[in-house]
PDB file of N, CA and C in Angstrom:
ATOM      1  N   MET A   1     233.191 110.013  30.743  1.00  0.00           N
ATOM      2  CA  MET A   1     232.807 108.813  31.458  1.00  0.00           C
ATOM      3  C   MET A   1     234.032 107.919  31.623  1.00  0.00           C
ATOM      4  N   LEU A   2     234.150 107.300  32.779  1.00  0.00           N
ATOM      5  CA  LEU A   2     235.277 106.439  33.102  1.00  0.00           C
ATOM      6  C   LEU A   2     235.214 105.150  32.280  1.00  0.00           C
ATOM      7  N   GLN A   3     236.336 104.775  31.691  1.00  0.00           N
ATOM      8  CA  GLN A   3     236.418 103.543  30.908  1.00  0.00           C
ATOM      9  C   GLN A   3     236.894 102.418  31.827  1.00  0.00           C
ATOM     10  N   ASP A   4     236.118 101.360  31.903  1.00  0.00           N
ATOM     11  CA  ASP A   4     236.464 100.219  32.748  1.00  0.00           C
ATOM     12  C   ASP A   4     236.811  99.046  31.834  1.00  0.00           C
ATOM     13  N   PRO A   5     238.043  98.554  31.888  1.00  0.00           N
ATOM     14  CA  PRO A   5     238.442  97.472  30.982  1.00  0.00           C
ATOM     15  C   PRO A   5     237.644  96.188  31.190  1.00  0.00           C
ATOM     16  N   ILE A   6     237.192  95.926  32.403  1.00  0.00           N
ATOM     17  CA  ILE A   6     236.402  94.716  32.658  1.00  0.00           C
ATOM     18  C   ILE A   6     235.045  94.829  31.977  1.00  0.00           C
ATOM     19  N   VAL A   7     234.409  95.984  32.101  1.00  0.00           N
ATOM     20  CA  VAL A   7     233.107  96.197  31.463  1.00  0.00           C
ATOM     21  C   VAL A   7     233.259  96.148  29.948  1.00  0.00           C
ATOM     22  N   GLU A   8     234.327  96.740  29.433  1.00  0.00           N
ATOM     23  CA  GLU A   8     234.575  96.700  27.986  1.00  0.00           C
ATOM     24  C   GLU A   8     234.755  95.261  27.502  1.00  0.00           C
ATOM     25  N   GLU A   9     235.455  94.445  28.277  1.00  0.00           N
ATOM     26  CA  GLU A   9     235.651  93.038  27.911  1.00  0.00           C
ATOM     27  C   GLU A   9     234.321  92.292  27.896  1.00  0.00           C
ATOM     28  N   ILE A  10     233.480  92.536  28.890  1.00  0.00           N
ATOM     29  CA  ILE A  10     232.163  91.892  28.947  1.00  0.00           C
ATOM     30  C   ILE A  10     231.331  92.294  27.741  1.00  0.00           C
ATOM     31  N   HIS A  11     231.346  93.572  27.391  1.00  0.00           N
ATOM     32  CA  HIS A  11     230.584  94.038  26.225  1.00  0.00           C
ATOM     33  C   HIS A  11     231.099  93.394  24.942  1.00  0.00           C
ATOM     34  N   ARG A  12     232.433  93.279  24.820  1.00  0.00           N
ATOM     35  CA  ARG A  12     233.022  92.666  23.629  1.00  0.00           C
ATOM     36  C   ARG A  12     232.620  91.198  23.516  1.00  0.00           C
ATOM     37  N   ILE A  13     232.704  90.462  24.628  1.00  0.00           N
ATOM     38  CA  ILE A  13     232.346  89.039  24.622  1.00  0.00           C
ATOM     39  C   ILE A  13     230.866  88.864  24.313  1.00  0.00           C
ATOM     40  N   ARG A  14     230.027  89.707  24.911  1.00  0.00           N
ATOM     41  CA  ARG A  14     228.582  89.619  24.667  1.00  0.00           C
ATOM     42  C   ARG A  14     228.274  89.892  23.196  1.00  0.00           C
ATOM     43  N   GLU A  15     228.948  90.865  22.605  1.00  0.00           N
ATOM     44  CA  GLU A  15     228.739  91.186  21.195  1.00  0.00           C
ATOM     45  C   GLU A  15     229.163  90.014  20.307  1.00  0.00           C
ATOM     46  N   GLU A  16     230.315  89.412  20.594  1.00  0.00           N
ATOM     47  CA  GLU A  16     230.780  88.262  19.811  1.00  0.00           C
ATOM     48  C   GLU A  16     229.807  87.093  19.921  1.00  0.00           C
ATOM     49  N   TYR A  17     229.307  86.863  21.112  1.00  0.00           N
ATOM     50  CA  TYR A  17     228.365  85.767  21.355  1.00  0.00           C
ATOM     51  C   TYR A  17     227.078  85.985  20.564  1.00  0.00           C
ATOM     52  N   ALA A  18     226.531  87.197  20.640  1.00  0.00           N
ATOM     53  CA  ALA A  18     225.297  87.512  19.918  1.00  0.00           C
ATOM     54  C   ALA A  18     225.521  87.422  18.408  1.00  0.00           C
ATOM     55  N   LYS A  19     226.661  87.908  17.940  1.00  0.00           N
ATOM     56  CA  LYS A  19     226.967  87.868  16.508  1.00  0.00           C
ATOM     57  C   LYS A  19     227.054  86.425  16.019  1.00  0.00           C
ATOM     58  N   ARG A  20     227.679  85.554  16.828  1.00  0.00           N
ATOM     59  CA  ARG A  20     227.825  84.136  16.449  1.00  0.00           C
ATOM     60  C   ARG A  20     226.469  83.467  16.275  1.00  0.00           C
ATOM     61  N   LEU A  21     225.473  83.918  17.046  1.00  0.00           N
ATOM     62  CA  LEU A  21     224.133  83.332  16.967  1.00  0.00           C
ATOM     63  C   LEU A  21     223.181  84.178  16.119  1.00  0.00           C
ATOM     64  N   GLY A  22     223.739  85.077  15.329  1.00  0.00           N
ATOM     65  CA  GLY A  22     222.932  85.859  14.400  1.00  0.00           C
ATOM     66  C   GLY A  22     222.015  86.861  15.085  1.00  0.00           C
ATOM     67  N   TYR A  23     222.366  87.287  16.280  1.00  0.00           N
ATOM     68  CA  TYR A  23     221.571  88.245  17.059  1.00  0.00           C
ATOM     69  C   TYR A  23     220.133  87.762  17.264  1.00  0.00           C
ATOM     70  N   ASP A  24     219.936  86.451  17.217  1.00  0.00           N
ATOM     71  CA  ASP A  24     218.604  85.849  17.374  1.00  0.00           C
ATOM     72  C   ASP A  24     218.385  85.533  18.853  1.00  0.00           C
ATOM     73  N   LEU A  25     217.479  86.268  19.485  1.00  0.00           N
ATOM     74  CA  LEU A  25     217.243  86.111  20.916  1.00  0.00           C
ATOM     75  C   LEU A  25     216.787  84.702  21.266  1.00  0.00           C
ATOM     76  N   HIS A  26     215.986  84.091  20.404  1.00  0.00           N
ATOM     77  CA  HIS A  26     215.517  82.725  20.665  1.00  0.00           C
ATOM     78  C   HIS A  26     216.695  81.739  20.676  1.00  0.00           C
ATOM     79  N   LYS A  27     217.621  81.905  19.746  1.00  0.00           N
ATOM     80  CA  LYS A  27     218.803  81.032  19.708  1.00  0.00           C
ATOM     81  C   LYS A  27     219.688  81.258  20.932  1.00  0.00           C
ATOM     82  N   ILE A  28     219.840  82.521  21.315  1.00  0.00           N
ATOM     83  CA  ILE A  28     220.658  82.844  22.487  1.00  0.00           C
ATOM     84  C   ILE A  28     220.070  82.194  23.733  1.00  0.00           C
ATOM     85  N   CYS A  29     218.761  82.330  23.924  1.00  0.00           N
ATOM     86  CA  CYS A  29     218.104  81.748  25.101  1.00  0.00           C
ATOM     87  C   CYS A  29     218.180  80.228  25.081  1.00  0.00           C
ATOM     88  N   GLU A  30     217.991  79.630  23.915  1.00  0.00           N
ATOM     89  CA  GLU A  30     218.050  78.170  23.810  1.00  0.00           C
ATOM     90  C   GLU A  30     219.446  77.666  24.162  1.00  0.00           C
ATOM     91  N   GLU A  31     220.474  78.333  23.665  1.00  0.00           N
ATOM     92  CA  GLU A  31     221.831  77.904  23.990  1.00  0.00           C
ATOM     93  C   GLU A  31     222.111  78.068  25.484  1.00  0.00           C
ATOM     94  N   MET A  32     221.617  79.143  26.071  1.00  0.00           N
ATOM     95  CA  MET A  32     221.801  79.343  27.518  1.00  0.00           C
ATOM     96  C   MET A  32     221.107  78.237  28.312  1.00  0.00           C
ATOM     97  N   ARG A  33     219.911  77.839  27.872  1.00  0.00           N
ATOM     98  CA  ARG A  33     219.204  76.745  28.551  1.00  0.00           C
ATOM     99  C   ARG A  33     219.995  75.444  28.446  1.00  0.00           C
ATOM    100  N   GLN A  34     220.556  75.179  27.271  1.00  0.00           N
ATOM    101  CA  GLN A  34     221.351  73.967  27.078  1.00  0.00           C
ATOM    102  C   GLN A  34     222.595  73.984  27.959  1.00  0.00           C
ATOM    103  N   ARG A  35     223.270  75.128  28.023  1.00  0.00           N
ATOM    104  CA  ARG A  35     224.456  75.245  28.871  1.00  0.00           C
ATOM    105  C   ARG A  35     224.098  75.029  30.337  1.00  0.00           C
ATOM    106  N   GLN A  36     222.963  75.584  30.747  1.00  0.00           N
ATOM    107  CA  GLN A  36     222.527  75.435  32.129  1.00  0.00           C
ATOM    108  C   GLN A  36     222.244  73.964  32.437  1.00  0.00           C
ATOM    109  N   ALA A  37     221.591  73.260  31.504  1.00  0.00           N
ATOM    110  CA  ALA A  37     221.276  71.850  31.712  1.00  0.00           C
ATOM    111  C   ALA A  37     222.556  71.009  31.771  1.00  0.00           C
ATOM    112  N   GLN A  38     223.537  71.334  30.953  1.00  0.00           N
ATOM    113  CA  GLN A  38     224.792  70.584  30.916  1.00  0.00           C
ATOM    114  C   GLN A  38     225.669  70.854  32.133  1.00  0.00           C
ATOM    115  N   ALA A  39     225.437  71.968  32.808  1.00  0.00           N
ATOM    116  CA  ALA A  39     226.269  72.326  33.962  1.00  0.00           C
ATOM    117  C   ALA A  39     226.065  71.354  35.117  1.00  0.00           C
ATOM    118  N   GLY A  40     224.907  70.705  35.154  1.00  0.00           N
ATOM    119  CA  GLY A  40     224.652  69.726  36.191  1.00  0.00           C
ATOM    120  C   GLY A  40     224.340  70.317  37.553  1.00  0.00           C
ATOM    121  N   ARG A  41     224.100  71.599  37.599  1.00  0.00           N
ATOM    122  CA  ARG A  41     223.754  72.239  38.865  1.00  0.00           C
ATOM    123  C   ARG A  41     222.252  72.188  39.065  1.00  0.00           C
ATOM    124  N   LYS A  42     221.856  72.108  40.302  1.00  0.00           N
ATOM    125  CA  LYS A  42     220.441  72.052  40.618  1.00  0.00           C
ATOM    126  C   LYS A  42     219.835  73.456  40.497  1.00  0.00           C
ATOM    127  N   ALA A  43     218.772  73.559  39.726  1.00  0.00           N
ATOM    128  CA  ALA A  43     218.076  74.836  39.561  1.00  0.00           C
ATOM    129  C   ALA A  43     216.749  74.772  40.302  1.00  0.00           C
ATOM    130  N   VAL A  44     216.398  75.846  40.927  1.00  0.00           N
ATOM    131  CA  VAL A  44     215.157  75.918  41.687  1.00  0.00           C
ATOM    132  C   VAL A  44     214.206  76.862  40.972  1.00  0.00           C
ATOM    133  N   THR A  45     212.991  76.398  40.749  1.00  0.00           N
ATOM    134  CA  THR A  45     211.956  77.243  40.169  1.00  0.00           C
ATOM    135  C   THR A  45     210.922  77.500  41.250  1.00  0.00           C
ATOM    136  N   ARG A  46     210.731  78.738  41.563  1.00  0.00           N
ATOM    137  CA  ARG A  46     209.777  79.087  42.609  1.00  0.00           C
ATOM    138  C   ARG A  46     208.412  79.353  41.999  1.00  0.00           C
ATOM    139  N   MET A  47     207.395  79.097  42.802  1.00  0.00           N
ATOM    140  CA  MET A  47     206.033  79.392  42.376  1.00  0.00           C
ATOM    141  C   MET A  47     205.854  80.908  42.371  1.00  0.00           C
ATOM    142  N   PRO A  48     205.134  81.439  41.397  1.00  0.00           N
ATOM    143  CA  PRO A  48     204.918  82.886  41.382  1.00  0.00           C
ATOM    144  C   PRO A  48     204.085  83.322  42.579  1.00  0.00           C
ATOM    145  N   ARG A  49     204.388  84.497  43.069  1.00  0.00           N
ATOM    146  CA  ARG A  49     203.636  85.032  44.196  1.00  0.00           C
ATOM    147  C   ARG A  49     202.303  85.575  43.720  1.00  0.00           C
ATOM    148  N   LYS A  50     201.305  85.446  44.570  1.00  0.00           N
ATOM    149  CA  LYS A  50     200.017  86.045  44.262  1.00  0.00           C
ATOM    150  C   LYS A  50     200.140  87.544  44.512  1.00  0.00           C
ATOM    151  N   PRO A  51     199.607  88.351  43.621  1.00  0.00           N
ATOM    152  CA  PRO A  51     199.704  89.796  43.842  1.00  0.00           C
ATOM    153  C   PRO A  51     198.868  90.223  45.039  1.00  0.00           C
ATOM    154  N   ARG A  52     199.399  91.173  45.775  1.00  0.00           N
ATOM    155  CA  ARG A  52     198.643  91.715  46.899  1.00  0.00           C
ATOM    156  C   ARG A  52     197.648  92.728  46.366  1.00  0.00           C
ATOM    157  N   ILE A  53     196.459  92.672  46.890  1.00  0.00           N
ATOM    158  CA  ILE A  53     195.430  93.626  46.479  1.00  0.00           C
ATOM    159  C   ILE A  53     195.397  94.739  47.514  1.00  0.00           C
ATOM    160  N   GLN A  54     195.617  95.942  47.040  1.00  0.00           N
ATOM    161  CA  GLN A  54     195.608  97.100  47.922  1.00  0.00           C
ATOM    162  C   GLN A  54     194.168  97.544  48.151  1.00  0.00           C
ATOM    163  N   PRO A  55     193.818  97.865  49.394  1.00  0.00           N
ATOM    164  CA  PRO A  55     192.463  98.365  49.647  1.00  0.00           C
ATOM    165  C   PRO A  55     192.263  99.704  48.935  1.00  0.00           C
ATOM    166  N   GLN A  56     191.093  99.867  48.376  1.00  0.00           N
ATOM    167  CA  GLN A  56     190.767 101.097  47.654  1.00  0.00           C
ATOM    168  C   GLN A  56     190.434 102.212  48.634  1.00  0.00           C
ATOM    169  N   ALA A  57     190.955 103.386  48.379  1.00  0.00           N
ATOM    170  CA  ALA A  57     190.635 104.548  49.216  1.00  0.00           C
ATOM    171  C   ALA A  57     189.257 105.063  48.821  1.00  0.00           C
ATOM    172  N   ALA A  58     188.477 105.437  49.815  1.00  0.00           N
ATOM    173  CA  ALA A  58     187.112 105.898  49.549  1.00  0.00           C
ATOM    174  C   ALA A  58     187.078 107.326  49.119  1.00  0.00           C
TER     175      ALA A  58
END
């Protein structure tokens, strides 16, 4: 398999980040939410789509 230094760097950074937060997904998500709020960028939340109901075949 081809080794890509950019992908390896991303994996290394992601591992360090997760390790710093104790591999706790809740902590990781909370920190990401805080970073997003501090960025000052406008975030858009869309309403969920209603599922389409497929007609049943007879």
